[in-house]
Protein backbone atom coordinates (compact mmCIF):
# COMPACT_ATOMS: atom_id res chain seq x y z
CA MET A 1 55.52 10.32 -32.55
CA ALA A 2 53.97 7.25 -30.97
CA VAL A 3 50.66 7.79 -29.21
CA LYS A 4 50.19 5.90 -25.96
CA ALA A 5 47.15 3.63 -26.11
CA PRO A 6 44.54 4.02 -23.37
CA PRO A 7 44.35 1.22 -20.80
CA PRO A 8 41.97 -1.59 -21.73
CA VAL A 9 38.50 -1.56 -20.23
CA ILE A 10 38.27 -4.57 -17.94
CA ALA A 11 34.92 -5.79 -16.67
CA PRO A 12 34.47 -5.86 -12.89
CA ASN A 13 34.79 -9.09 -10.94
CA TRP A 14 31.40 -9.91 -9.38
CA THR A 15 32.69 -12.40 -6.80
CA GLY A 16 31.87 -11.51 -3.20
CA PHE A 17 29.17 -10.80 -0.64
CA TYR A 18 26.84 -7.85 -1.15
CA VAL A 19 24.00 -6.03 0.60
CA GLY A 20 21.61 -3.40 -0.66
CA VAL A 21 18.19 -1.76 -0.83
CA HIS A 22 15.46 -1.75 -3.46
CA ALA A 23 12.19 -0.01 -4.26
CA GLY A 24 9.58 -0.48 -6.94
CA TRP A 25 5.97 -1.28 -7.75
CA GLY A 26 3.93 -4.47 -7.60
CA PHE A 27 0.75 -5.48 -9.47
CA ALA A 28 -1.46 -8.28 -8.11
CA ASP A 29 -3.96 -10.45 -9.97
CA ALA A 30 -6.39 -11.82 -7.37
CA ASP A 31 -10.03 -12.70 -6.81
CA ALA A 32 -12.20 -14.21 -4.08
CA THR A 33 -15.65 -15.72 -3.52
CA SER A 34 -18.18 -16.00 -0.69
CA ARG A 35 -21.04 -18.49 -0.24
CA THR A 36 -23.66 -18.15 2.51
CA ASN A 37 -25.93 -21.10 3.34
CA ALA A 38 -28.78 -21.51 5.79
CA GLY A 39 -28.42 -25.16 6.67
CA ALA A 40 -28.13 -27.13 3.41
CA LEU A 41 -29.77 -24.40 1.30
CA PRO A 42 -28.22 -21.21 -0.13
CA PHE A 43 -29.17 -18.05 1.76
CA PHE A 44 -27.33 -15.57 -0.47
CA ALA A 45 -26.29 -16.18 -4.07
CA PRO A 46 -22.55 -16.92 -4.43
CA ALA A 47 -20.60 -13.68 -4.90
CA ARG A 48 -17.28 -13.03 -6.63
CA PHE A 49 -14.92 -10.21 -5.60
CA ASP A 50 -12.15 -8.67 -7.70
CA LEU A 51 -9.19 -8.15 -5.33
CA SER A 52 -6.63 -7.10 -7.93
CA GLY A 53 -4.54 -4.16 -6.78
CA ASN A 54 -1.18 -2.48 -7.01
CA GLY A 55 1.17 -0.57 -4.76
CA PRO A 56 4.76 0.33 -3.94
CA MET A 57 7.44 -1.95 -2.51
CA PHE A 58 10.52 -1.10 -0.43
CA GLY A 59 13.05 -3.42 1.15
CA GLY A 60 16.52 -4.89 1.23
CA GLN A 61 18.57 -7.81 -0.08
CA LEU A 62 21.81 -9.63 0.59
CA GLY A 63 23.64 -12.33 -1.30
CA TYR A 64 26.84 -13.85 -2.64
CA ASN A 65 28.18 -14.10 -6.19
CA TRP A 66 30.91 -16.40 -7.59
CA GLN A 67 32.34 -15.61 -11.02
CA ALA A 68 34.02 -18.09 -13.40
CA ASN A 69 35.13 -16.41 -16.64
CA ASN A 70 32.06 -14.48 -17.79
CA TRP A 71 29.55 -16.62 -15.92
CA VAL A 72 28.26 -15.63 -12.48
CA LEU A 73 26.49 -17.93 -10.02
CA GLY A 74 24.88 -16.57 -6.89
CA VAL A 75 22.30 -16.81 -4.13
CA GLU A 76 20.16 -13.98 -2.78
CA ALA A 77 17.63 -13.46 0.01
CA ASP A 78 15.38 -10.42 0.11
CA ILE A 79 12.38 -8.96 1.89
CA SER A 80 10.06 -6.17 0.72
CA GLY A 81 7.40 -4.24 2.56
CA SER A 82 4.34 -4.04 0.32
CA GLY A 83 1.44 -1.66 -0.20
CA ILE A 84 -0.48 -4.04 -2.48
CA SER A 85 -4.09 -4.28 -1.39
CA GLY A 86 -7.37 -5.35 -3.01
CA PHE A 87 -10.92 -4.66 -1.80
CA GLU A 88 -14.48 -4.93 -3.08
CA SER A 89 -17.90 -4.43 -1.48
CA ARG A 90 -21.10 -5.90 -2.94
CA VAL A 91 -24.84 -5.92 -2.23
CA PRO A 92 -25.87 -9.51 -1.32
CA PHE A 93 -28.69 -11.16 -3.28
CA ARG A 94 -31.01 -13.27 -1.09
CA VAL A 95 -32.26 -16.46 -2.76
CA THR A 96 -34.35 -17.84 0.14
CA GLY A 97 -38.01 -16.84 0.36
CA ALA A 98 -38.70 -13.84 -1.85
CA ALA A 99 -35.53 -13.36 -3.87
CA THR A 100 -34.32 -9.77 -3.59
CA MET A 101 -31.29 -7.50 -3.44
CA MET A 102 -30.49 -6.97 0.26
CA PHE A 103 -29.40 -3.32 0.34
CA GLY A 104 -29.67 -3.40 4.12
CA ALA A 105 -27.02 -6.12 4.29
CA ASP A 106 -23.29 -5.83 3.66
CA SER A 107 -20.77 -8.11 1.98
CA HIS A 108 -17.11 -7.26 1.45
CA MET A 109 -13.72 -8.97 1.11
CA ARG A 110 -10.19 -7.57 1.40
CA GLN A 111 -6.65 -8.87 0.92
CA SER A 112 -3.57 -6.83 1.94
CA VAL A 113 -0.03 -8.02 1.24
CA ASN A 114 2.14 -6.83 4.15
CA TRP A 115 5.48 -8.19 2.93
CA LEU A 116 7.13 -10.41 0.35
CA ALA A 117 10.30 -12.45 0.87
CA SER A 118 12.28 -14.85 -1.28
CA ALA A 119 15.39 -17.04 -1.32
CA ARG A 120 16.60 -17.35 -4.92
CA GLY A 121 19.44 -18.61 -7.03
CA ARG A 122 20.94 -16.35 -9.71
CA LEU A 123 22.66 -17.22 -13.00
CA GLY A 124 24.25 -14.34 -14.87
CA TYR A 125 26.57 -13.45 -17.69
CA ALA A 126 29.01 -10.53 -17.41
CA TRP A 127 28.32 -8.16 -20.30
CA GLY A 128 30.48 -5.04 -20.51
CA PRO A 129 30.39 -3.14 -17.22
CA GLY A 130 27.23 -4.99 -16.20
CA LEU A 131 25.65 -8.34 -15.52
CA ILE A 132 22.52 -9.74 -17.15
CA TYR A 133 20.91 -12.46 -15.05
CA ALA A 134 17.98 -14.80 -14.47
CA THR A 135 16.75 -15.70 -11.00
CA GLY A 136 14.27 -18.00 -9.30
CA GLY A 137 13.45 -19.77 -6.04
CA ALA A 138 11.10 -20.00 -3.08
CA ALA A 139 8.91 -17.08 -1.97
CA TRP A 140 6.67 -16.13 0.95
CA ALA A 141 3.94 -13.52 1.39
CA ASN A 142 2.41 -12.28 4.65
CA ILE A 143 -1.22 -11.31 4.10
CA ASP A 144 -4.08 -9.80 6.11
CA TYR A 145 -7.46 -11.30 5.14
CA GLN A 146 -10.70 -9.51 6.05
CA ALA A 147 -14.31 -10.31 5.14
CA ASN A 148 -17.83 -9.84 6.44
CA THR A 149 -21.39 -10.70 5.45
CA SER A 150 -24.35 -9.32 7.39
CA GLU A 151 -27.68 -11.06 6.80
CA GLY A 152 -29.72 -7.85 6.69
CA LEU A 153 -32.63 -9.09 8.82
CA ASP A 154 -33.94 -7.32 11.88
CA PRO A 155 -36.46 -9.80 13.37
CA CYS A 156 -38.68 -8.25 16.07
CA GLY A 157 -36.33 -5.26 16.07
CA GLY A 158 -33.48 -7.64 16.94
CA TYR A 159 -29.83 -6.84 16.48
CA GLY A 160 -29.55 -9.44 13.73
CA CYS A 161 -26.42 -11.36 12.72
CA SER A 162 -23.16 -11.05 10.82
CA LEU A 163 -20.53 -13.53 9.63
CA PRO A 164 -17.06 -11.94 9.95
CA ALA A 165 -13.62 -13.41 9.19
CA ASN A 166 -10.38 -11.58 10.01
CA PHE A 167 -7.00 -13.31 10.15
CA ASN A 168 -3.36 -13.14 9.06
CA GLY A 169 -1.45 -15.82 7.18
CA THR A 170 1.93 -16.39 5.57
CA ARG A 171 1.59 -18.06 2.16
CA SER A 172 4.38 -19.98 0.45
CA GLY A 173 5.03 -19.99 -3.30
CA TRP A 174 7.73 -19.29 -5.82
CA ALA A 175 9.35 -16.36 -7.63
CA ALA A 176 11.20 -16.08 -10.96
CA GLY A 177 12.50 -13.23 -13.09
CA GLY A 178 15.57 -11.48 -14.36
CA GLY A 179 17.37 -8.18 -14.64
CA TYR A 180 20.47 -6.18 -15.40
CA GLU A 181 23.02 -4.95 -12.83
CA TRP A 182 25.53 -2.24 -13.66
CA ALA A 183 28.86 -1.71 -11.86
CA ALA A 184 28.48 2.01 -11.25
CA ALA A 185 31.76 2.59 -9.39
CA SER A 186 34.24 0.61 -7.33
CA ASN A 187 32.12 -1.63 -5.06
CA TRP A 188 28.75 -0.04 -5.89
CA SER A 189 26.23 -1.36 -8.41
CA LEU A 190 22.76 -0.38 -9.63
CA ARG A 191 20.14 -2.83 -10.88
CA GLY A 192 16.75 -3.03 -12.51
CA GLU A 193 14.75 -6.26 -12.37
CA TYR A 194 11.39 -7.93 -12.87
CA LEU A 195 10.06 -10.64 -10.54
CA TYR A 196 6.96 -12.80 -10.90
CA TYR A 197 5.50 -14.26 -7.68
CA ASN A 198 2.86 -16.99 -7.40
CA PHE A 199 1.08 -18.01 -4.18
CA GLY A 200 -1.72 -20.28 -3.07
CA GLY A 201 -5.02 -19.07 -1.67
CA ALA A 202 -6.76 -19.22 1.71
CA ASN A 203 -10.16 -20.28 3.06
CA ALA A 204 -12.23 -19.35 6.08
CA ALA A 205 -15.64 -20.42 7.40
CA ALA A 206 -17.65 -17.96 9.51
CA ARG A 207 -20.75 -18.71 11.59
CA THR A 208 -23.30 -16.15 12.75
CA VAL A 209 -22.37 -13.56 15.35
CA SER A 210 -25.52 -12.26 17.08
CA GLY A 211 -26.38 -9.22 19.11
CA GLY A 212 -28.06 -11.36 21.75
CA VAL A 213 -31.47 -10.57 23.25
CA GLY A 214 -34.30 -10.63 20.72
CA ALA A 215 -32.13 -11.70 17.78
CA THR A 216 -33.32 -14.83 16.04
CA CYS A 217 -30.68 -15.48 13.39
CA PRO A 218 -30.93 -18.21 10.82
CA ALA A 219 -28.27 -20.91 11.27
CA CYS A 220 -26.05 -19.55 8.51
CA LEU A 221 -22.51 -20.40 7.48
CA THR A 222 -20.43 -18.27 5.10
CA THR A 223 -17.42 -19.78 3.36
CA TYR A 224 -14.86 -17.26 2.11
CA GLN A 225 -12.26 -18.33 -0.43
CA TRP A 226 -9.31 -16.20 -1.50
CA GLY A 227 -7.98 -17.75 -4.71
CA ASP A 228 -4.42 -18.31 -5.88
CA PHE A 229 -2.83 -15.02 -6.84
CA ALA A 230 0.14 -13.65 -8.73
CA ILE A 231 2.26 -10.52 -8.30
CA HIS A 232 4.29 -8.80 -11.03
CA ALA A 233 7.02 -6.63 -9.48
CA VAL A 234 9.36 -4.10 -11.14
CA ARG A 235 12.22 -3.04 -8.85
CA LEU A 236 15.26 -0.74 -8.84
CA GLY A 237 18.12 -1.54 -6.45
CA LEU A 238 21.44 -0.28 -5.10
CA ASN A 239 24.08 -2.76 -3.83
CA TYR A 240 27.42 -2.52 -2.04
CA ARG A 241 29.78 -5.44 -2.62
CA TRP A 242 32.70 -6.65 -0.50
CA GLY A 243 35.63 -8.25 -2.38
CA GLY A 244 35.81 -8.94 -6.07
CA VAL A 245 36.64 -5.32 -6.96
CA ALA A 246 37.93 -4.48 -10.40
CA SER A 247 41.64 -4.26 -11.17
CA ALA A 248 43.44 -0.92 -11.07
CA GLN A 249 43.10 -0.56 -14.84
CA ALA A 250 39.40 -1.37 -14.71
CA SER A 251 38.80 1.17 -11.99
CA MET A 252 40.31 3.81 -14.28
CA SER A 253 37.40 3.22 -16.67
CA MET A 254 34.78 3.60 -13.93
CA PRO A 255 33.44 6.81 -12.40
CA ALA A 256 35.81 8.34 -9.89
CA PRO A 257 35.04 8.42 -6.17
CA ALA A 258 33.40 11.58 -4.88
CA PRO A 259 35.84 14.36 -3.94
CA ALA A 260 36.38 15.30 -0.29
CA ALA A 261 34.67 18.66 -0.85
CA LYS A 262 31.68 18.74 -3.19
CA ASP A 263 30.20 21.60 -5.16
CA TRP A 264 26.43 21.23 -4.73
CA THR A 265 25.46 23.85 -7.34
CA GLY A 266 23.47 22.48 -10.27
CA PHE A 267 20.39 20.58 -11.39
CA TYR A 268 19.77 17.01 -10.21
CA ALA A 269 17.26 14.19 -10.54
CA GLY A 270 16.81 10.95 -8.65
CA VAL A 271 14.63 8.28 -7.09
CA HIS A 272 13.60 7.49 -3.53
CA GLY A 273 11.94 4.79 -1.47
CA GLY A 274 10.93 4.45 2.14
CA TRP A 275 8.10 3.97 4.60
CA ALA A 276 5.18 6.22 5.56
CA PHE A 277 2.96 6.20 8.65
CA GLY A 278 -0.52 7.71 8.30
CA ARG A 279 -2.56 8.89 11.27
CA GLY A 280 -6.28 9.58 10.86
CA ASN A 281 -9.77 8.86 12.10
CA GLY A 282 -13.25 8.89 10.62
CA SER A 283 -16.90 8.97 11.60
CA ALA A 284 -20.37 8.26 10.20
CA ILE A 285 -23.81 9.34 11.33
CA THR A 286 -27.17 8.50 9.72
CA THR A 287 -30.16 10.76 10.19
CA ILE A 288 -33.87 10.47 9.34
CA ASP A 289 -36.00 13.52 8.53
CA THR A 290 -39.46 12.27 9.63
CA PRO A 291 -39.37 12.93 12.53
CA PRO A 292 -35.87 14.53 12.58
CA ARG A 293 -33.51 12.37 14.65
CA VAL A 294 -30.29 10.37 14.63
CA TYR A 295 -31.02 6.97 13.15
CA LEU A 296 -27.62 5.19 13.35
CA GLY A 297 -24.46 6.39 15.00
CA PRO A 298 -22.38 8.22 15.75
CA ASN A 299 -19.82 5.62 14.61
CA SER A 300 -16.07 6.11 14.96
CA TYR A 301 -13.35 4.49 12.80
CA ASN A 302 -9.58 4.21 13.29
CA LEU A 303 -7.86 4.75 9.93
CA ASP A 304 -4.22 4.63 11.09
CA ALA A 305 -2.11 2.82 8.50
CA ASP A 306 1.45 2.50 7.26
CA GLY A 307 3.07 1.33 4.07
CA PRO A 308 5.96 1.76 1.63
CA LEU A 309 6.46 4.60 -0.79
CA PHE A 310 8.42 4.92 -4.03
CA GLY A 311 8.95 7.86 -6.34
CA GLY A 312 11.25 10.43 -7.87
CA GLN A 313 12.50 13.96 -7.38
CA ALA A 314 14.17 16.76 -9.33
CA GLY A 315 15.63 20.05 -8.17
CA TYR A 316 18.27 22.74 -8.29
CA ASN A 317 20.88 23.72 -5.68
CA ARG A 318 22.89 26.93 -5.37
CA GLN A 319 25.93 26.88 -3.06
CA ILE A 320 27.52 29.99 -1.52
CA ALA A 321 30.52 29.18 0.70
CA ASN A 322 29.30 26.45 3.09
CA TRP A 323 25.61 27.28 2.64
CA MET A 324 23.25 25.80 0.08
CA ALA A 325 19.81 27.01 -1.01
CA GLY A 326 17.64 24.98 -3.35
CA ILE A 327 14.21 24.01 -4.61
CA GLU A 328 12.85 20.51 -5.15
CA ALA A 329 9.72 18.90 -6.61
CA ASP A 330 8.87 15.27 -5.93
CA VAL A 331 6.09 12.69 -6.29
CA SER A 332 5.69 9.37 -4.44
CA GLY A 333 3.28 6.50 -4.86
CA THR A 334 2.26 5.18 -1.44
CA GLY A 335 0.83 2.10 0.22
CA VAL A 336 -0.82 3.96 3.12
CA ARG A 337 -4.29 2.40 3.12
CA GLY A 338 -6.53 2.83 6.17
CA PHE A 339 -9.58 0.59 6.62
CA HIS A 340 -12.03 -0.12 9.45
CA ALA A 341 -15.27 -2.14 9.36
CA GLN A 342 -17.81 -2.59 12.17
CA PRO A 343 -21.56 -2.98 12.80
CA PRO A 344 -23.22 0.46 12.98
CA TYR A 345 -24.45 1.64 16.36
CA CYS A 346 -28.19 1.95 17.02
CA PRO A 347 -28.51 4.80 19.58
CA GLN A 348 -32.12 4.43 20.66
CA PRO A 349 -34.65 1.68 21.36
CA PHE A 350 -36.39 0.82 18.10
CA SER A 351 -39.15 -1.78 18.68
CA CYS A 352 -37.99 -4.21 21.40
CA VAL A 353 -34.25 -3.59 21.10
CA PRO A 354 -32.08 -1.61 23.53
CA ALA A 355 -29.33 0.59 22.07
CA GLY A 356 -26.33 -1.31 20.72
CA PRO A 357 -24.47 -2.51 17.61
CA LEU A 358 -26.68 -3.60 14.74
CA PHE A 359 -25.10 -6.85 13.58
CA ALA A 360 -27.68 -7.34 10.82
CA ALA A 361 -26.21 -4.24 9.14
CA GLY A 362 -22.64 -3.28 8.28
CA SER A 363 -20.40 -0.28 7.83
CA PHE A 364 -16.86 0.53 6.78
CA LEU A 365 -14.62 3.52 6.06
CA LYS A 366 -11.64 3.32 3.73
CA GLN A 367 -8.91 5.90 3.04
CA ASP A 368 -6.18 5.08 0.50
CA VAL A 369 -3.39 7.60 -0.03
CA ALA A 370 -2.53 6.85 -3.67
CA TRP A 371 0.23 9.44 -4.06
CA LEU A 372 2.01 12.36 -2.40
CA ALA A 373 3.64 15.32 -4.14
CA SER A 374 5.39 18.44 -2.92
CA LEU A 375 7.20 21.59 -4.01
CA ARG A 376 9.70 22.55 -1.33
CA GLY A 377 12.53 24.92 -0.60
CA ARG A 378 15.75 23.54 0.90
CA LEU A 379 18.37 25.22 3.08
CA GLY A 380 21.53 23.30 3.87
CA HIS A 381 25.01 23.55 5.33
CA THR A 382 27.98 21.39 4.45
CA TRP A 383 28.97 19.00 7.21
CA GLY A 384 31.93 16.72 6.63
CA THR A 385 31.75 15.39 3.07
CA GLY A 386 27.99 15.80 3.00
CA MET A 387 25.24 18.30 3.64
CA VAL A 388 22.63 18.59 6.40
CA TYR A 389 19.45 20.40 5.37
CA VAL A 390 15.94 21.45 6.33
CA THR A 391 13.07 21.63 3.87
CA GLY A 392 9.44 22.74 3.67
CA GLY A 393 6.69 23.83 1.31
CA ALA A 394 3.35 22.98 -0.26
CA ALA A 395 2.07 19.41 -0.57
CA LEU A 396 -0.66 17.52 -2.43
CA ALA A 397 -2.15 14.09 -1.76
CA GLY A 398 -4.27 11.94 -4.05
CA VAL A 399 -6.70 10.16 -1.73
CA ASP A 400 -9.32 7.54 -2.59
CA TYR A 401 -12.25 7.65 -0.16
CA GLN A 402 -14.80 4.86 0.10
CA ALA A 403 -17.53 4.16 2.67
CA ASN A 404 -20.81 2.37 3.11
CA LEU A 405 -23.36 1.93 5.88
CA THR A 406 -26.39 -0.36 5.69
CA ASN A 407 -29.43 -0.35 7.97
CA GLY A 408 -30.11 -4.11 8.12
CA ILE A 409 -33.89 -4.04 7.71
CA GLY A 410 -35.53 -6.41 5.25
CA PRO A 411 -34.28 -5.40 1.81
CA GLY A 412 -33.19 -2.24 3.62
CA SER A 413 -31.06 0.68 2.51
CA ALA A 414 -27.39 1.36 1.80
CA PHE A 415 -25.49 4.65 1.84
CA PRO A 416 -22.42 4.18 -0.39
CA VAL A 417 -19.73 6.77 -1.17
CA LYS A 418 -16.73 6.32 -3.47
CA VAL A 419 -14.74 9.36 -4.57
CA SER A 420 -11.14 10.36 -5.36
CA LYS A 421 -9.89 13.77 -4.24
CA THR A 422 -6.67 15.77 -4.43
CA ARG A 423 -6.05 17.26 -1.00
CA SER A 424 -3.80 20.28 -0.42
CA GLY A 425 -1.59 20.78 2.62
CA TRP A 426 1.96 21.41 3.70
CA VAL A 427 5.14 19.47 4.40
CA ALA A 428 8.32 20.05 6.41
CA GLY A 429 11.35 18.02 7.41
CA GLY A 430 15.07 17.56 7.01
CA GLY A 431 17.85 15.14 6.18
CA TYR A 432 21.46 14.44 5.31
CA GLU A 433 22.90 13.97 1.81
CA TRP A 434 26.41 12.80 1.00
CA PRO A 435 28.40 12.09 -2.19
CA VAL A 436 29.32 8.48 -2.95
CA TRP A 437 31.06 8.82 -6.31
CA SER A 438 31.42 11.30 -9.15
CA ASN A 439 28.05 13.07 -9.63
CA TRP A 440 26.07 10.60 -7.51
CA THR A 441 24.75 11.28 -3.99
CA VAL A 442 22.64 9.34 -1.51
CA ARG A 443 20.35 10.82 1.14
CA GLY A 444 18.23 9.96 4.14
CA GLU A 445 15.39 12.25 5.18
CA TYR A 446 12.25 12.66 7.28
CA LEU A 447 9.15 14.49 6.04
CA TYR A 448 5.96 15.41 7.91
CA TYR A 449 2.79 16.00 5.84
CA ARG A 450 -0.48 17.58 7.01
CA PHE A 451 -3.78 17.59 5.08
CA ASP A 452 -7.25 18.89 6.00
CA ASP A 453 -10.37 16.82 6.67
CA PHE A 454 -12.94 15.73 4.09
CA SER A 455 -16.70 15.05 4.35
CA ALA A 456 -19.30 13.47 2.07
CA THR A 457 -23.04 12.85 2.43
CA ALA A 458 -24.82 9.88 0.82
CA ALA A 459 -28.55 9.46 0.21
CA SER A 460 -30.05 6.00 0.65
CA ILE A 461 -30.13 3.37 -2.08
CA SER A 462 -32.99 0.92 -1.61
CA SER A 463 -35.40 -1.37 -3.43
CA LEU A 464 -38.25 0.26 -1.44
CA PRO A 465 -39.25 3.93 -1.15
CA GLY A 466 -38.59 5.91 1.99
CA CYS A 467 -36.62 4.93 5.05
CA ARG A 468 -37.27 2.29 7.70
CA GLY A 469 -40.68 1.40 6.33
CA ASN A 470 -41.87 5.01 6.07
CA ALA A 471 -42.35 5.89 2.40
CA ALA A 472 -42.40 9.61 3.20
CA ALA A 473 -39.21 9.59 5.29
CA ARG A 474 -35.76 10.30 3.92
CA CYS A 475 -32.44 9.13 5.36
CA SER A 476 -28.88 10.21 4.68
CA THR A 477 -25.43 9.34 6.06
CA THR A 478 -22.66 11.88 6.53
CA TYR A 479 -19.11 10.52 6.51
CA ARG A 480 -16.14 12.49 7.78
CA TRP A 481 -12.44 11.74 7.37
CA ASP A 482 -10.49 13.80 9.91
CA ASP A 483 -7.24 15.70 9.31
CA LEU A 484 -4.57 13.38 7.91
CA ASP A 485 -1.00 13.33 9.25
CA ILE A 486 1.75 11.38 7.47
CA HIS A 487 5.26 10.75 8.77
CA ALA A 488 7.64 9.59 6.02
CA LEU A 489 11.17 8.16 6.22
CA ARG A 490 12.87 8.16 2.80
CA PHE A 491 16.18 7.09 1.29
CA GLY A 492 17.17 8.56 -2.08
CA LEU A 493 19.74 8.39 -4.87
CA ASN A 494 20.46 11.51 -6.96
CA TYR A 495 22.48 12.26 -10.06
CA LYS A 496 23.76 15.80 -10.55
CA LEU A 497 23.41 16.88 -14.19
């Protein structure tokens, strides 16, 4: 008896407009320099800062493909929110007069990439159910630049001087890379790609900012230079395409659309991307023990920050009638990086100076949420073709804390802290998940995280014994990072095993 042959597998037609979302991780290679002169002569030795960093990316893309035989030509525009940030703080080395390390001064530089965008051409070759492609074109990056140098002198008890630079700029450059896109079902496709970005640098010149009465600052000029930098990005994406769908026979070889009523019971795994908003504050206070008193502060810092997140999740659902109970574990890398720098506050009249900000010194607090993780229960109810659910449980956060405060007196003293901690807390939220085809589902959800405060105390680092000229005195600075709240909006893709 003749056996009927199965229908031939026909590759999808990629022609048509498409729109989608992507998430991934970026790695930046960057450095910077600062040079401080007093007139024509160097005041501080030139300093180099390593501003390399990495962080998550989340964004969207749209484009058009045209297919001729197996070749595909296209254009695409995209934009990605970025959590890529680089920072370094150094002790300035004074080369005028008696050369010395100026622990009482402060010098730092920072570069934060807010977003990346590109307009690129694509050339691809249809290969089985997918498309392998190369891409390249113009690119733009929006960047926050921050830097400061304080000269560390306190003449006649004066406020002293600092040389700050803070500005935003959009840099132009280029991007090139490639990837593979797979026609998952009907008009949906999944992709993985690598992109290399290259951008030019930026320069800024800062003159002295003085506290006013009694401050006799040298006529200094600091030139900051952020060098050319590159970003290596690895991204996963989901696209929906209009037109150019596969033939009826081809669609038979692709995963079937999701059924009207879905059985949610089973194990699943997936990925997610989104945006997180961190809310937090910090403080610093420096005390001296001989006689006991507040030396500098209290100082307050706003550490609110937002940034993208990207990660994965796995879990199990059990459905009974229209109700679903489940458990889920997840981890997300984040770009929530809070930073605030300012001159420390002098609360009492030392020498001939009234209370006020000490520009000769410097201080900053930094709070980087490197990752978030949670183990949560879920309770849901079917609604239409999807499921609405609430969720809650235990949460962890990997947080990098860094701070420094300098006292701006001669060689002076610094009070640095740099530590990474895993904070425990809780998380709650909810969302909606719906099937798109076969065993695949997409979801949108909101999660609220809460973590407790953290404190650290730093003893002084100085080239001279004691504190503020008193060899017998001891100083210390206590830093506090208040309770941390994070609001996260996430979009996810799951596959039921």
